[in-house]
Amino acid sequence: MNKQASDVVGAIVREKLSDYVEMGEQTRGAELAKAKAPRAKTKSAPVSPRRVTSYADYAKRVPAIQTPHVFRQAEVDRVLLDCRELPTPDKPIKNYAGYSRAEWDKLLDVVARHMADVCEGAGLVYKGSMSVGHFRKGLSVLMQESFVHHDPWDERNRFISVDGRIDSDERKP
């Protein structure tokens, strides 16, 4: 029974394969016939390349692109509202809001990007790719030294601690 079934399947497969081979030969013949036909000559107007607008030209026409983008503001606001609840109160010690490194990096990332957009809107541009890291490190230390965290739940202000580092520690972002 099993041998008969495999013989039937084999016969069907051979028959279908031969149909495909014949169909492929017919298609190939039609393609060759098309390839041999001469092309009709047509005259068309030459296409002139489009002029590319430089960033400087576009910035002169639309000065708003140099300031923080309004469409990004909703995203920035959402992330900042989420960041209010990131730190753990009274960690590592009482009166400190403890951020993990990942939580602090999330907050620092959105603040640094937004502040860089504001600076670029005022005509300030990064000196080079190395200055981006210096800017983030400096901003991180500045935020830890100059700000306290206002807890939205108990309305208390707490000093900022990142990965257990407190004010008496040497700050390393």
C-alpha atoms as a PDB file:
ATOM      1  CA  MET A   1       0.000   0.000   0.000  1.00  0.00           C
ATOM      2  CA  ASN A   2       2.786   2.385   0.909  1.00  0.00           C
ATOM      3  CA  LYS A   3       4.717   1.611  -2.320  1.00  0.00           C
ATOM      4  CA  GLN A   4       1.609   2.246  -4.432  1.00  0.00           C
ATOM      5  CA  ALA A   5       1.025   5.608  -2.783  1.00  0.00           C
ATOM      6  CA  SER A   6       4.621   6.701  -3.391  1.00  0.00           C
ATOM      7  CA  ASP A   7       4.381   5.566  -7.042  1.00  0.00           C
ATOM      8  CA  VAL A   8       1.215   7.648  -7.524  1.00  0.00           C
ATOM      9  CA  VAL A   9       2.823  10.705  -5.909  1.00  0.00           C
ATOM     10  CA  GLY A  10       5.949  10.256  -8.059  1.00  0.00           C
ATOM     11  CA  ALA A  11       3.843  10.076 -11.256  1.00  0.00           C
ATOM     12  CA  ILE A  12       1.963  13.262 -10.348  1.00  0.00           C
ATOM     13  CA  VAL A  13       5.179  15.105  -9.512  1.00  0.00           C
ATOM     14  CA  ARG A  14       6.837  14.063 -12.815  1.00  0.00           C
ATOM     15  CA  GLU A  15       3.762  15.160 -14.768  1.00  0.00           C
ATOM     16  CA  LYS A  16       3.612  18.557 -13.043  1.00  0.00           C
ATOM     17  CA  LEU A  17       7.357  19.107 -13.399  1.00  0.00           C
ATOM     18  CA  SER A  18       7.149  18.465 -17.120  1.00  0.00           C
ATOM     19  CA  ASP A  19       4.328  21.039 -17.361  1.00  0.00           C
ATOM     20  CA  TYR A  20       6.509  23.598 -15.614  1.00  0.00           C
ATOM     21  CA  VAL A  21       9.477  22.851 -17.854  1.00  0.00           C
ATOM     22  CA  GLU A  22       7.329  23.285 -20.983  1.00  0.00           C
ATOM     23  CA  MET A  23       5.835  26.500 -19.628  1.00  0.00           C
ATOM     24  CA  GLY A  24       9.341  27.832 -18.822  1.00  0.00           C
ATOM     25  CA  GLU A  25      10.535  27.070 -22.368  1.00  0.00           C
ATOM     26  CA  GLN A  26       7.539  28.899 -23.826  1.00  0.00           C
ATOM     27  CA  THR A  27       8.179  31.919 -21.599  1.00  0.00           C
ATOM     28  CA  ARG A  28      11.868  31.933 -22.504  1.00  0.00           C
ATOM     29  CA  GLY A  29      10.987  31.833 -26.217  1.00  0.00           C
ATOM     30  CA  ALA A  30       8.671  34.845 -25.826  1.00  0.00           C
ATOM     31  CA  GLU A  31      11.405  36.759 -23.989  1.00  0.00           C
ATOM     32  CA  LEU A  32      13.891  36.039 -26.767  1.00  0.00           C
ATOM     33  CA  ALA A  33      11.410  37.226 -29.372  1.00  0.00           C
ATOM     34  CA  LYS A  34      10.920  40.488 -27.462  1.00  0.00           C
ATOM     35  CA  ALA A  35      14.662  40.980 -27.083  1.00  0.00           C
ATOM     36  CA  LYS A  36      15.228  40.678 -30.832  1.00  0.00           C
ATOM     37  CA  ALA A  37      12.569  43.258 -31.745  1.00  0.00           C
ATOM     38  CA  PRO A  38      14.090  46.650 -32.571  1.00  0.00           C
ATOM     39  CA  ARG A  39      13.208  49.505 -30.287  1.00  0.00           C
ATOM     40  CA  ALA A  40      11.243  52.410 -31.598  1.00  0.00           C
ATOM     41  CA  LYS A  41      13.150  55.665 -31.347  1.00  0.00           C
ATOM     42  CA  THR A  42      11.345  58.268 -29.326  1.00  0.00           C
ATOM     43  CA  LYS A  43      12.271  61.831 -28.678  1.00  0.00           C
ATOM     44  CA  SER A  44      11.737  63.127 -25.182  1.00  0.00           C
ATOM     45  CA  ALA A  45      12.794  66.282 -23.491  1.00  0.00           C
ATOM     46  CA  PRO A  46      15.993  65.924 -21.488  1.00  0.00           C
ATOM     47  CA  VAL A  47      15.391  65.713 -17.773  1.00  0.00           C
ATOM     48  CA  SER A  48      17.253  68.342 -15.830  1.00  0.00           C
ATOM     49  CA  PRO A  49      18.484  67.313 -12.372  1.00  0.00           C
ATOM     50  CA  ARG A  50      16.682  68.843  -9.420  1.00  0.00           C
ATOM     51  CA  ARG A  51      18.562  71.425  -7.448  1.00  0.00           C
ATOM     52  CA  VAL A  52      19.454  70.257  -3.946  1.00  0.00           C
ATOM     53  CA  THR A  53      18.869  72.790  -1.197  1.00  0.00           C
ATOM     54  CA  SER A  54      21.707  73.107   1.277  1.00  0.00           C
ATOM     55  CA  TYR A  55      21.002  73.129   5.008  1.00  0.00           C
ATOM     56  CA  ALA A  56      22.163  76.752   5.239  1.00  0.00           C
ATOM     57  CA  ASP A  57      19.748  77.876   2.510  1.00  0.00           C
ATOM     58  CA  TYR A  58      16.878  75.962   4.055  1.00  0.00           C
ATOM     59  CA  ALA A  59      17.680  77.399   7.507  1.00  0.00           C
ATOM     60  CA  LYS A  60      17.541  80.922   6.068  1.00  0.00           C
ATOM     61  CA  ARG A  61      14.118  80.256   4.571  1.00  0.00           C
ATOM     62  CA  VAL A  62      12.751  78.366   7.610  1.00  0.00           C
ATOM     63  CA  PRO A  63      14.536  79.613  10.762  1.00  0.00           C
ATOM     64  CA  ALA A  64      12.287  77.565  13.054  1.00  0.00           C
ATOM     65  CA  ILE A  65      14.230  74.374  12.208  1.00  0.00           C
ATOM     66  CA  GLN A  66      17.122  75.652  14.295  1.00  0.00           C
ATOM     67  CA  THR A  67      15.190  75.623  17.561  1.00  0.00           C
ATOM     68  CA  PRO A  68      13.734  72.693  19.528  1.00  0.00           C
ATOM     69  CA  HIS A  69      11.089  71.083  17.401  1.00  0.00           C
ATOM     70  CA  VAL A  70       7.492  71.595  18.522  1.00  0.00           C
ATOM     71  CA  PHE A  71       6.451  68.110  17.383  1.00  0.00           C
ATOM     72  CA  ARG A  72       9.059  66.517  19.679  1.00  0.00           C
ATOM     73  CA  GLN A  73       7.846  68.510  22.675  1.00  0.00           C
ATOM     74  CA  ALA A  74       5.048  66.038  23.508  1.00  0.00           C
ATOM     75  CA  GLU A  75       7.529  63.147  23.516  1.00  0.00           C
ATOM     76  CA  VAL A  76       9.979  65.064  25.708  1.00  0.00           C
ATOM     77  CA  ASP A  77       7.205  66.014  28.133  1.00  0.00           C
ATOM     78  CA  ARG A  78       6.047  62.385  28.391  1.00  0.00           C
ATOM     79  CA  VAL A  79       9.553  61.114  29.189  1.00  0.00           C
ATOM     80  CA  LEU A  80      10.155  63.894  31.727  1.00  0.00           C
ATOM     81  CA  LEU A  81       6.871  63.126  33.503  1.00  0.00           C
ATOM     82  CA  ASP A  82       7.873  59.450  33.641  1.00  0.00           C
ATOM     83  CA  CYS A  83      11.264  60.440  35.093  1.00  0.00           C
ATOM     84  CA  ARG A  84       9.626  62.126  38.087  1.00  0.00           C
ATOM     85  CA  GLU A  85       8.887  58.734  39.578  1.00  0.00           C
ATOM     86  CA  LEU A  86      12.198  57.037  38.738  1.00  0.00           C
ATOM     87  CA  PRO A  87      14.282  57.476  41.905  1.00  0.00           C
ATOM     88  CA  THR A  88      13.771  55.451  45.046  1.00  0.00           C
ATOM     89  CA  PRO A  89      13.154  57.715  48.066  1.00  0.00           C
ATOM     90  CA  ASP A  90      15.561  57.586  51.025  1.00  0.00           C
ATOM     91  CA  LYS A  91      18.077  55.432  49.170  1.00  0.00           C
ATOM     92  CA  PRO A  92      21.043  55.035  49.793  1.00  0.00           C
ATOM     93  CA  ILE A  93      20.417  57.024  52.983  1.00  0.00           C
ATOM     94  CA  LYS A  94      17.643  59.205  54.391  1.00  0.00           C
ATOM     95  CA  ASN A  95      16.888  62.424  52.457  1.00  0.00           C
ATOM     96  CA  TYR A  96      18.343  61.092  49.202  1.00  0.00           C
ATOM     97  CA  ALA A  97      16.562  60.101  46.005  1.00  0.00           C
ATOM     98  CA  GLY A  98      18.437  57.129  44.614  1.00  0.00           C
ATOM     99  CA  TYR A  99      18.691  56.714  40.851  1.00  0.00           C
ATOM    100  CA  SER A 100      20.129  53.598  39.251  1.00  0.00           C
ATOM    101  CA  ARG A 101      22.601  54.218  36.420  1.00  0.00           C
ATOM    102  CA  ALA A 102      19.945  53.250  33.806  1.00  0.00           C
ATOM    103  CA  GLU A 103      17.349  55.588  35.342  1.00  0.00           C
ATOM    104  CA  TRP A 104      19.819  58.478  35.505  1.00  0.00           C
ATOM    105  CA  ASP A 105      20.955  57.881  31.914  1.00  0.00           C
ATOM    106  CA  LYS A 106      17.325  57.971  30.750  1.00  0.00           C
ATOM    107  CA  LEU A 107      16.788  61.356  32.428  1.00  0.00           C
ATOM    108  CA  LEU A 108      20.174  62.691  31.353  1.00  0.00           C
ATOM    109  CA  ASP A 109      19.595  61.628  27.745  1.00  0.00           C
ATOM    110  CA  VAL A 110      16.345  63.548  27.335  1.00  0.00           C
ATOM    111  CA  VAL A 111      17.659  66.649  29.151  1.00  0.00           C
ATOM    112  CA  ALA A 112      20.951  66.669  27.190  1.00  0.00           C
ATOM    113  CA  ARG A 113      19.228  66.254  23.811  1.00  0.00           C
ATOM    114  CA  HIS A 114      16.722  68.995  24.568  1.00  0.00           C
ATOM    115  CA  MET A 115      19.371  71.352  25.918  1.00  0.00           C
ATOM    116  CA  ALA A 116      21.562  70.710  22.855  1.00  0.00           C
ATOM    117  CA  ASP A 117      18.588  71.601  20.619  1.00  0.00           C
ATOM    118  CA  VAL A 118      18.105  74.834  22.549  1.00  0.00           C
ATOM    119  CA  CYS A 119      21.820  75.682  22.245  1.00  0.00           C
ATOM    120  CA  GLU A 120      21.778  74.963  18.509  1.00  0.00           C
ATOM    121  CA  GLY A 121      18.766  77.272  18.212  1.00  0.00           C
ATOM    122  CA  ALA A 122      20.936  80.022  19.703  1.00  0.00           C
ATOM    123  CA  GLY A 123      23.612  79.356  17.080  1.00  0.00           C
ATOM    124  CA  LEU A 124      25.880  77.158  19.210  1.00  0.00           C
ATOM    125  CA  VAL A 125      27.198  74.001  17.575  1.00  0.00           C
ATOM    126  CA  TYR A 126      29.214  71.128  19.074  1.00  0.00           C
ATOM    127  CA  LYS A 127      32.951  71.527  18.470  1.00  0.00           C
ATOM    128  CA  GLY A 128      33.240  67.884  17.485  1.00  0.00           C
ATOM    129  CA  SER A 129      32.060  64.390  18.318  1.00  0.00           C
ATOM    130  CA  MET A 130      34.247  64.258  21.441  1.00  0.00           C
ATOM    131  CA  SER A 131      32.523  67.288  22.940  1.00  0.00           C
ATOM    132  CA  VAL A 132      29.180  65.447  23.104  1.00  0.00           C
ATOM    133  CA  GLY A 133      30.526  63.166  25.844  1.00  0.00           C
ATOM    134  CA  HIS A 134      32.047  66.091  27.751  1.00  0.00           C
ATOM    135  CA  PHE A 135      28.739  67.941  27.551  1.00  0.00           C
ATOM    136  CA  ARG A 136      26.811  64.960  28.965  1.00  0.00           C
ATOM    137  CA  LYS A 137      29.324  64.383  31.776  1.00  0.00           C
ATOM    138  CA  GLY A 138      29.332  68.040  32.740  1.00  0.00           C
ATOM    139  CA  LEU A 139      25.550  68.209  32.636  1.00  0.00           C
ATOM    140  CA  SER A 140      25.297  65.096  34.799  1.00  0.00           C
ATOM    141  CA  VAL A 141      27.527  66.559  37.506  1.00  0.00           C
ATOM    142  CA  LEU A 142      25.790  69.923  37.264  1.00  0.00           C
ATOM    143  CA  MET A 143      22.365  68.348  37.721  1.00  0.00           C
ATOM    144  CA  GLN A 144      23.526  66.304  40.731  1.00  0.00           C
ATOM    145  CA  GLU A 145      25.167  69.290  42.419  1.00  0.00           C
ATOM    146  CA  SER A 146      22.614  71.986  41.592  1.00  0.00           C
ATOM    147  CA  PHE A 147      19.255  70.225  41.847  1.00  0.00           C
ATOM    148  CA  VAL A 148      17.219  68.214  44.315  1.00  0.00           C
ATOM    149  CA  HIS A 149      14.474  65.773  43.423  1.00  0.00           C
ATOM    150  CA  HIS A 150      10.923  66.783  44.343  1.00  0.00           C
ATOM    151  CA  ASP A 151       8.969  63.606  45.083  1.00  0.00           C
ATOM    152  CA  PRO A 152       5.458  63.788  43.580  1.00  0.00           C
ATOM    153  CA  TRP A 153       4.033  61.415  46.215  1.00  0.00           C
ATOM    154  CA  ASP A 154       5.111  62.843  49.559  1.00  0.00           C
ATOM    155  CA  GLU A 155       6.003  66.361  48.293  1.00  0.00           C
ATOM    156  CA  ARG A 156       9.499  66.208  49.834  1.00  0.00           C
ATOM    157  CA  ASN A 157      12.738  67.424  48.321  1.00  0.00           C
ATOM    158  CA  ARG A 158      15.638  64.956  48.364  1.00  0.00           C
ATOM    159  CA  PHE A 159      19.260  65.201  47.297  1.00  0.00           C
ATOM    160  CA  ILE A 160      20.240  63.205  44.223  1.00  0.00           C
ATOM    161  CA  SER A 161      22.239  60.006  44.412  1.00  0.00           C
ATOM    162  CA  VAL A 162      23.308  57.988  41.362  1.00  0.00           C
ATOM    163  CA  ASP A 163      24.355  54.374  41.962  1.00  0.00           C
ATOM    164  CA  GLY A 164      24.703  55.018  45.695  1.00  0.00           C
ATOM    165  CA  ARG A 165      27.052  58.003  45.369  1.00  0.00           C
ATOM    166  CA  ILE A 166      26.224  60.833  47.750  1.00  0.00           C
ATOM    167  CA  ASP A 167      27.485  64.425  48.112  1.00  0.00           C
ATOM    168  CA  SER A 168      30.543  63.441  50.114  1.00  0.00           C
ATOM    169  CA  ASP A 169      31.636  61.084  47.307  1.00  0.00           C
ATOM    170  CA  GLU A 170      33.721  62.363  44.442  1.00  0.00           C
ATOM    171  CA  ARG A 171      31.130  62.779  41.729  1.00  0.00           C
ATOM    172  CA  LYS A 172      31.646  60.751  38.574  1.00  0.00           C
ATOM    173  CA  PRO A 173      28.794  60.790  36.117  1.00  0.00           C
END
